[in-house]
Amino acid sequence: MTRKLILILSILFVVSNFLMAQELIKLPAPQKIGGMPLMQALNERSSSRDFIDKDLTEQQLSNLLWAAFGINREDIKKRTAPTSRNNQDIEIYLTTKNGLFLYKAEEHALEKKSDKDFREVSGKQDFVKVAPLNLIYVSNLNKLGNSPLEVKRITAATHCGFIGQNVYLYCASEGLISVFRAWIDKDKIAEVLKLPEGFEVIYSQTVGYSK
């Protein structure tokens, strides 16, 4: 085999891996009507850590991500959770047994980042390896202006709180369980996600079915 042929095959291998990693998976349209009445969902909202290894359906995942931080005003691209000055700095990564994904709100789709199961990286608790879904909240701090870094982090954490509560309420309505988590190795997660400069892991949240 010639050196030129080896080089061509190497380039094709790299390109094919890149295209696979950037695969865009369209989600079903979110169901925006129905569900549990708001006051009842608030009453049912709770944290739980007793997960079983049972996958969410595609429709549940679609509804969950739209509720979390999807676009609810198409004409102006605004979201289901507020952000300061509409900066929309939060990105939601997902770890499942089928790989690592990034939620793309405008396309309402998942961008596949890896085929590897990174669930155990998403937190320090044992249940993260069992639960079907871990959401990782990342802030693009570059979008938050020229404020001091600590102010940016507080702002990002507040945004995550809004999103996390949306997830809690959807889970209460759908009969799922969830827990919002700060006990995470942010540096390790950032390394796995290959985050560029100015992006930081803020919190994580686990979703699934109860035992």
C-alpha atoms as a PDB file:
ATOM      1  CA  MET A   1       0.000   0.000   0.000  1.00  0.00           C
ATOM      2  CA  THR A   2       1.488   3.342  -1.060  1.00  0.00           C
ATOM      3  CA  ARG A   3       2.009   6.224   1.332  1.00  0.00           C
ATOM      4  CA  LYS A   4      -0.419   8.319  -0.728  1.00  0.00           C
ATOM      5  CA  LEU A   5      -3.157   5.708  -0.399  1.00  0.00           C
ATOM      6  CA  ILE A   6      -2.531   5.404   3.342  1.00  0.00           C
ATOM      7  CA  LEU A   7      -2.838   9.190   3.656  1.00  0.00           C
ATOM      8  CA  ILE A   8      -6.130   9.228   1.701  1.00  0.00           C
ATOM      9  CA  LEU A   9      -7.582   6.438   3.838  1.00  0.00           C
ATOM     10  CA  SER A  10      -6.508   8.240   7.014  1.00  0.00           C
ATOM     11  CA  ILE A  11      -8.225  11.446   5.875  1.00  0.00           C
ATOM     12  CA  LEU A  12     -11.407   9.559   4.989  1.00  0.00           C
ATOM     13  CA  PHE A  13     -11.372   7.891   8.403  1.00  0.00           C
ATOM     14  CA  VAL A  14     -11.048  11.236  10.186  1.00  0.00           C
ATOM     15  CA  VAL A  15     -13.778  12.839   8.043  1.00  0.00           C
ATOM     16  CA  SER A  16     -16.174   9.925   8.561  1.00  0.00           C
ATOM     17  CA  ASN A  17     -15.643  10.059  12.332  1.00  0.00           C
ATOM     18  CA  PHE A  18     -16.262  13.806  12.308  1.00  0.00           C
ATOM     19  CA  LEU A  19     -19.484  13.433  10.327  1.00  0.00           C
ATOM     20  CA  MET A  20     -20.678  10.666  12.638  1.00  0.00           C
ATOM     21  CA  ALA A  21     -19.926  12.842  15.675  1.00  0.00           C
ATOM     22  CA  GLN A  22     -21.894  15.726  14.141  1.00  0.00           C
ATOM     23  CA  GLU A  23     -24.942  13.617  13.272  1.00  0.00           C
ATOM     24  CA  LEU A  24     -28.162  15.573  13.796  1.00  0.00           C
ATOM     25  CA  ILE A  25     -31.097  13.560  15.100  1.00  0.00           C
ATOM     26  CA  LYS A  26     -34.453  15.259  14.661  1.00  0.00           C
ATOM     27  CA  LEU A  27     -36.808  14.888  17.624  1.00  0.00           C
ATOM     28  CA  PRO A  28     -40.581  14.451  17.326  1.00  0.00           C
ATOM     29  CA  ALA A  29     -42.553  17.675  17.619  1.00  0.00           C
ATOM     30  CA  PRO A  30     -43.123  18.460  21.309  1.00  0.00           C
ATOM     31  CA  GLN A  31     -46.632  18.011  22.687  1.00  0.00           C
ATOM     32  CA  LYS A  32     -47.515  21.480  23.953  1.00  0.00           C
ATOM     33  CA  ILE A  33     -50.983  20.769  25.292  1.00  0.00           C
ATOM     34  CA  GLY A  34     -52.265  18.462  27.999  1.00  0.00           C
ATOM     35  CA  GLY A  35     -50.361  17.153  30.988  1.00  0.00           C
ATOM     36  CA  MET A  36     -50.972  17.605  34.687  1.00  0.00           C
ATOM     37  CA  PRO A  37     -52.490  20.917  35.901  1.00  0.00           C
ATOM     38  CA  LEU A  38     -49.778  23.311  37.087  1.00  0.00           C
ATOM     39  CA  MET A  39     -50.821  23.437  40.757  1.00  0.00           C
ATOM     40  CA  GLN A  40     -50.948  19.662  40.938  1.00  0.00           C
ATOM     41  CA  ALA A  41     -47.513  19.396  39.274  1.00  0.00           C
ATOM     42  CA  LEU A  42     -46.099  21.807  41.853  1.00  0.00           C
ATOM     43  CA  ASN A  43     -47.600  19.677  44.592  1.00  0.00           C
ATOM     44  CA  GLU A  44     -46.081  16.516  43.082  1.00  0.00           C
ATOM     45  CA  ARG A  45     -42.639  18.008  42.365  1.00  0.00           C
ATOM     46  CA  SER A  46     -39.826  16.339  44.342  1.00  0.00           C
ATOM     47  CA  SER A  47     -36.261  15.027  44.141  1.00  0.00           C
ATOM     48  CA  SER A  48     -35.582  11.316  43.962  1.00  0.00           C
ATOM     49  CA  ARG A  49     -32.462   9.205  43.461  1.00  0.00           C
ATOM     50  CA  ASP A  50     -33.992   5.730  43.113  1.00  0.00           C
ATOM     51  CA  PHE A  51     -33.644   5.202  39.362  1.00  0.00           C
ATOM     52  CA  ILE A  52     -34.043   2.126  37.207  1.00  0.00           C
ATOM     53  CA  ASP A  53     -32.418   1.495  33.838  1.00  0.00           C
ATOM     54  CA  LYS A  54     -35.464   2.134  31.648  1.00  0.00           C
ATOM     55  CA  ASP A  55     -35.245   4.426  28.636  1.00  0.00           C
ATOM     56  CA  LEU A  56     -37.504   7.378  28.024  1.00  0.00           C
ATOM     57  CA  THR A  57     -39.451   7.318  24.778  1.00  0.00           C
ATOM     58  CA  GLU A  58     -38.458   9.679  21.970  1.00  0.00           C
ATOM     59  CA  GLN A  59     -41.646  11.655  22.589  1.00  0.00           C
ATOM     60  CA  GLN A  60     -40.878  11.996  26.299  1.00  0.00           C
ATOM     61  CA  LEU A  61     -37.364  13.175  25.499  1.00  0.00           C
ATOM     62  CA  SER A  62     -38.721  15.669  22.995  1.00  0.00           C
ATOM     63  CA  ASN A  63     -41.263  17.041  25.467  1.00  0.00           C
ATOM     64  CA  LEU A  64     -38.712  17.151  28.282  1.00  0.00           C
ATOM     65  CA  LEU A  65     -36.101  19.123  26.329  1.00  0.00           C
ATOM     66  CA  TRP A  66     -38.685  21.535  24.955  1.00  0.00           C
ATOM     67  CA  ALA A  67     -40.040  22.103  28.465  1.00  0.00           C
ATOM     68  CA  ALA A  68     -36.510  22.576  29.780  1.00  0.00           C
ATOM     69  CA  PHE A  69     -35.237  25.205  27.353  1.00  0.00           C
ATOM     70  CA  GLY A  70     -37.018  24.878  24.045  1.00  0.00           C
ATOM     71  CA  ILE A  71     -38.306  27.656  21.824  1.00  0.00           C
ATOM     72  CA  ASN A  72     -41.869  28.669  22.691  1.00  0.00           C
ATOM     73  CA  ARG A  73     -42.084  31.821  20.537  1.00  0.00           C
ATOM     74  CA  GLU A  74     -40.861  30.868  17.094  1.00  0.00           C
ATOM     75  CA  ASP A  75     -41.051  34.337  15.595  1.00  0.00           C
ATOM     76  CA  ILE A  76     -38.560  35.813  18.078  1.00  0.00           C
ATOM     77  CA  LYS A  77     -36.722  32.596  19.076  1.00  0.00           C
ATOM     78  CA  LYS A  78     -37.414  32.985  22.788  1.00  0.00           C
ATOM     79  CA  ARG A  79     -37.368  30.111  25.246  1.00  0.00           C
ATOM     80  CA  THR A  80     -39.426  28.328  27.894  1.00  0.00           C
ATOM     81  CA  ALA A  81     -36.959  29.505  30.590  1.00  0.00           C
ATOM     82  CA  PRO A  82     -35.799  33.111  31.040  1.00  0.00           C
ATOM     83  CA  THR A  83     -32.213  34.306  30.770  1.00  0.00           C
ATOM     84  CA  SER A  84     -30.761  37.704  31.637  1.00  0.00           C
ATOM     85  CA  ARG A  85     -31.156  40.069  28.671  1.00  0.00           C
ATOM     86  CA  ASN A  86     -32.209  37.005  26.668  1.00  0.00           C
ATOM     87  CA  ASN A  87     -28.570  35.936  26.397  1.00  0.00           C
ATOM     88  CA  GLN A  88     -29.540  32.236  26.149  1.00  0.00           C
ATOM     89  CA  ASP A  89     -26.123  31.186  27.425  1.00  0.00           C
ATOM     90  CA  ILE A  90     -27.092  27.691  28.596  1.00  0.00           C
ATOM     91  CA  GLU A  91     -26.403  24.624  26.472  1.00  0.00           C
ATOM     92  CA  ILE A  92     -27.823  21.237  27.452  1.00  0.00           C
ATOM     93  CA  TYR A  93     -25.754  18.116  26.928  1.00  0.00           C
ATOM     94  CA  LEU A  94     -27.243  14.655  27.421  1.00  0.00           C
ATOM     95  CA  THR A  95     -25.551  11.432  28.455  1.00  0.00           C
ATOM     96  CA  THR A  96     -27.368   8.175  27.756  1.00  0.00           C
ATOM     97  CA  LYS A  97     -26.363   4.563  27.186  1.00  0.00           C
ATOM     98  CA  ASN A  98     -26.422   5.386  23.463  1.00  0.00           C
ATOM     99  CA  GLY A  99     -23.942   8.225  23.637  1.00  0.00           C
ATOM    100  CA  LEU A 100     -23.334  11.914  24.262  1.00  0.00           C
ATOM    101  CA  PHE A 101     -25.575  14.536  22.661  1.00  0.00           C
ATOM    102  CA  LEU A 102     -26.111  18.305  22.507  1.00  0.00           C
ATOM    103  CA  TYR A 103     -29.654  19.691  22.385  1.00  0.00           C
ATOM    104  CA  LYS A 104     -30.117  22.111  19.480  1.00  0.00           C
ATOM    105  CA  ALA A 105     -33.212  24.121  20.354  1.00  0.00           C
ATOM    106  CA  GLU A 106     -33.691  25.907  17.031  1.00  0.00           C
ATOM    107  CA  GLU A 107     -33.764  22.609  15.154  1.00  0.00           C
ATOM    108  CA  HIS A 108     -35.351  20.778  18.107  1.00  0.00           C
ATOM    109  CA  ALA A 109     -32.809  18.061  17.493  1.00  0.00           C
ATOM    110  CA  LEU A 110     -29.892  16.255  19.095  1.00  0.00           C
ATOM    111  CA  GLU A 111     -26.382  16.657  17.782  1.00  0.00           C
ATOM    112  CA  LYS A 112     -24.506  13.437  18.405  1.00  0.00           C
ATOM    113  CA  LYS A 113     -21.072  14.043  19.916  1.00  0.00           C
ATOM    114  CA  SER A 114     -20.038  10.488  20.737  1.00  0.00           C
ATOM    115  CA  ASP A 115     -21.294   6.909  20.694  1.00  0.00           C
ATOM    116  CA  LYS A 116     -19.676   6.259  24.078  1.00  0.00           C
ATOM    117  CA  ASP A 117     -21.705   5.881  27.285  1.00  0.00           C
ATOM    118  CA  PHE A 118     -20.483   8.778  29.448  1.00  0.00           C
ATOM    119  CA  ARG A 119     -23.195   8.551  32.096  1.00  0.00           C
ATOM    120  CA  GLU A 120     -20.740   7.785  34.885  1.00  0.00           C
ATOM    121  CA  VAL A 121     -18.833  10.989  34.099  1.00  0.00           C
ATOM    122  CA  SER A 122     -21.897  13.176  34.677  1.00  0.00           C
ATOM    123  CA  GLY A 123     -21.815  12.922  38.483  1.00  0.00           C
ATOM    124  CA  LYS A 124     -20.200  11.359  41.536  1.00  0.00           C
ATOM    125  CA  GLN A 125     -23.269   9.409  42.651  1.00  0.00           C
ATOM    126  CA  ASP A 126     -23.692   5.762  41.706  1.00  0.00           C
ATOM    127  CA  PHE A 127     -27.200   6.266  40.328  1.00  0.00           C
ATOM    128  CA  VAL A 128     -25.959   8.371  37.377  1.00  0.00           C
ATOM    129  CA  LYS A 129     -24.660   5.156  35.770  1.00  0.00           C
ATOM    130  CA  VAL A 130     -28.105   3.527  36.054  1.00  0.00           C
ATOM    131  CA  ALA A 131     -30.475   6.358  35.185  1.00  0.00           C
ATOM    132  CA  PRO A 132     -31.354   6.583  31.485  1.00  0.00           C
ATOM    133  CA  LEU A 133     -30.686  10.306  31.171  1.00  0.00           C
ATOM    134  CA  ASN A 134     -28.332  12.853  32.672  1.00  0.00           C
ATOM    135  CA  LEU A 135     -28.616  16.485  31.592  1.00  0.00           C
ATOM    136  CA  ILE A 136     -25.451  18.577  31.852  1.00  0.00           C
ATOM    137  CA  TYR A 137     -25.954  22.338  31.935  1.00  0.00           C
ATOM    138  CA  VAL A 138     -23.115  24.325  30.358  1.00  0.00           C
ATOM    139  CA  SER A 139     -22.920  28.098  30.192  1.00  0.00           C
ATOM    140  CA  ASN A 140     -21.280  30.022  27.388  1.00  0.00           C
ATOM    141  CA  LEU A 141     -20.035  32.738  29.722  1.00  0.00           C
ATOM    142  CA  ASN A 142     -18.841  34.724  26.721  1.00  0.00           C
ATOM    143  CA  LYS A 143     -22.497  35.672  26.141  1.00  0.00           C
ATOM    144  CA  LEU A 144     -22.825  37.298  29.556  1.00  0.00           C
ATOM    145  CA  GLY A 145     -20.986  40.516  28.802  1.00  0.00           C
ATOM    146  CA  ASN A 146     -18.121  42.121  30.688  1.00  0.00           C
ATOM    147  CA  SER A 147     -19.253  41.407  34.238  1.00  0.00           C
ATOM    148  CA  PRO A 148     -16.775  39.862  36.699  1.00  0.00           C
ATOM    149  CA  LEU A 149     -16.439  36.104  36.322  1.00  0.00           C
ATOM    150  CA  GLU A 150     -18.135  35.401  39.648  1.00  0.00           C
ATOM    151  CA  VAL A 151     -21.160  37.478  38.637  1.00  0.00           C
ATOM    152  CA  LYS A 152     -21.361  35.574  35.354  1.00  0.00           C
ATOM    153  CA  ARG A 153     -21.290  32.264  37.212  1.00  0.00           C
ATOM    154  CA  ILE A 154     -24.078  33.369  39.559  1.00  0.00           C
ATOM    155  CA  THR A 155     -26.154  34.485  36.567  1.00  0.00           C
ATOM    156  CA  ALA A 156     -25.561  31.167  34.787  1.00  0.00           C
ATOM    157  CA  ALA A 157     -26.487  29.232  37.930  1.00  0.00           C
ATOM    158  CA  THR A 158     -29.743  31.181  38.161  1.00  0.00           C
ATOM    159  CA  HIS A 159     -30.548  30.337  34.552  1.00  0.00           C
ATOM    160  CA  CYS A 160     -29.907  26.664  35.295  1.00  0.00           C
ATOM    161  CA  GLY A 161     -32.306  26.911  38.216  1.00  0.00           C
ATOM    162  CA  PHE A 162     -35.113  28.062  35.934  1.00  0.00           C
ATOM    163  CA  ILE A 163     -34.398  25.252  33.475  1.00  0.00           C
ATOM    164  CA  GLY A 164     -34.095  22.672  36.232  1.00  0.00           C
ATOM    165  CA  GLN A 165     -37.474  23.611  37.659  1.00  0.00           C
ATOM    166  CA  ASN A 166     -39.046  23.237  34.213  1.00  0.00           C
ATOM    167  CA  VAL A 167     -37.589  19.725  34.077  1.00  0.00           C
ATOM    168  CA  TYR A 168     -38.913  18.946  37.568  1.00  0.00           C
ATOM    169  CA  LEU A 169     -42.418  20.062  36.642  1.00  0.00           C
ATOM    170  CA  TYR A 170     -42.428  18.067  33.424  1.00  0.00           C
ATOM    171  CA  CYS A 171     -41.249  14.985  35.313  1.00  0.00           C
ATOM    172  CA  ALA A 172     -43.982  15.425  37.919  1.00  0.00           C
ATOM    173  CA  SER A 173     -46.572  15.668  35.154  1.00  0.00           C
ATOM    174  CA  GLU A 174     -45.191  12.661  33.255  1.00  0.00           C
ATOM    175  CA  GLY A 175     -44.671  10.310  36.201  1.00  0.00           C
ATOM    176  CA  LEU A 176     -40.882  10.512  35.973  1.00  0.00           C
ATOM    177  CA  ILE A 177     -38.399  11.318  38.725  1.00  0.00           C
ATOM    178  CA  SER A 178     -35.507  13.761  38.761  1.00  0.00           C
ATOM    179  CA  VAL A 179     -32.770  15.224  40.918  1.00  0.00           C
ATOM    180  CA  PHE A 180     -30.785  18.438  40.364  1.00  0.00           C
ATOM    181  CA  ARG A 181     -27.107  17.954  41.191  1.00  0.00           C
ATOM    182  CA  ALA A 182     -24.072  20.059  42.098  1.00  0.00           C
ATOM    183  CA  TRP A 183     -21.837  17.155  43.230  1.00  0.00           C
ATOM    184  CA  ILE A 184     -20.031  16.812  39.914  1.00  0.00           C
ATOM    185  CA  ASP A 185     -16.457  16.910  38.628  1.00  0.00           C
ATOM    186  CA  LYS A 186     -16.757  19.970  36.407  1.00  0.00           C
ATOM    187  CA  ASP A 187     -13.226  19.730  35.030  1.00  0.00           C
ATOM    188  CA  LYS A 188     -13.627  16.084  34.054  1.00  0.00           C
ATOM    189  CA  ILE A 189     -16.978  16.754  32.397  1.00  0.00           C
ATOM    190  CA  ALA A 190     -15.540  19.751  30.522  1.00  0.00           C
ATOM    191  CA  GLU A 191     -12.731  17.546  29.254  1.00  0.00           C
ATOM    192  CA  VAL A 192     -15.181  14.922  27.977  1.00  0.00           C
ATOM    193  CA  LEU A 193     -17.360  17.581  26.348  1.00  0.00           C
ATOM    194  CA  LYS A 194     -14.278  19.255  24.843  1.00  0.00           C
ATOM    195  CA  LEU A 195     -15.555  22.658  25.864  1.00  0.00           C
ATOM    196  CA  PRO A 196     -13.876  25.706  24.300  1.00  0.00           C
ATOM    197  CA  GLU A 197     -12.589  28.655  26.295  1.00  0.00           C
ATOM    198  CA  GLY A 198     -15.307  30.577  28.115  1.00  0.00           C
ATOM    199  CA  PHE A 199     -17.667  27.618  28.444  1.00  0.00           C
ATOM    200  CA  GLU A 200     -18.210  26.162  31.923  1.00  0.00           C
ATOM    201  CA  VAL A 201     -20.152  23.254  33.390  1.00  0.00           C
ATOM    202  CA  ILE A 202     -22.616  24.634  35.956  1.00  0.00           C
ATOM    203  CA  TYR A 203     -24.932  21.836  37.168  1.00  0.00           C
ATOM    204  CA  SER A 204     -26.314  18.473  36.164  1.00  0.00           C
ATOM    205  CA  GLN A 205     -29.750  16.872  36.480  1.00  0.00           C
ATOM    206  CA  THR A 206     -30.771  13.231  36.318  1.00  0.00           C
ATOM    207  CA  VAL A 207     -34.096  12.022  34.896  1.00  0.00           C
ATOM    208  CA  GLY A 208     -35.739   8.614  34.702  1.00  0.00           C
ATOM    209  CA  TYR A 209     -38.168   6.145  36.167  1.00  0.00           C
ATOM    210  CA  SER A 210     -38.496   5.277  39.831  1.00  0.00           C
ATOM    211  CA  LYS A 211     -37.818   1.808  41.251  1.00  0.00           C
END
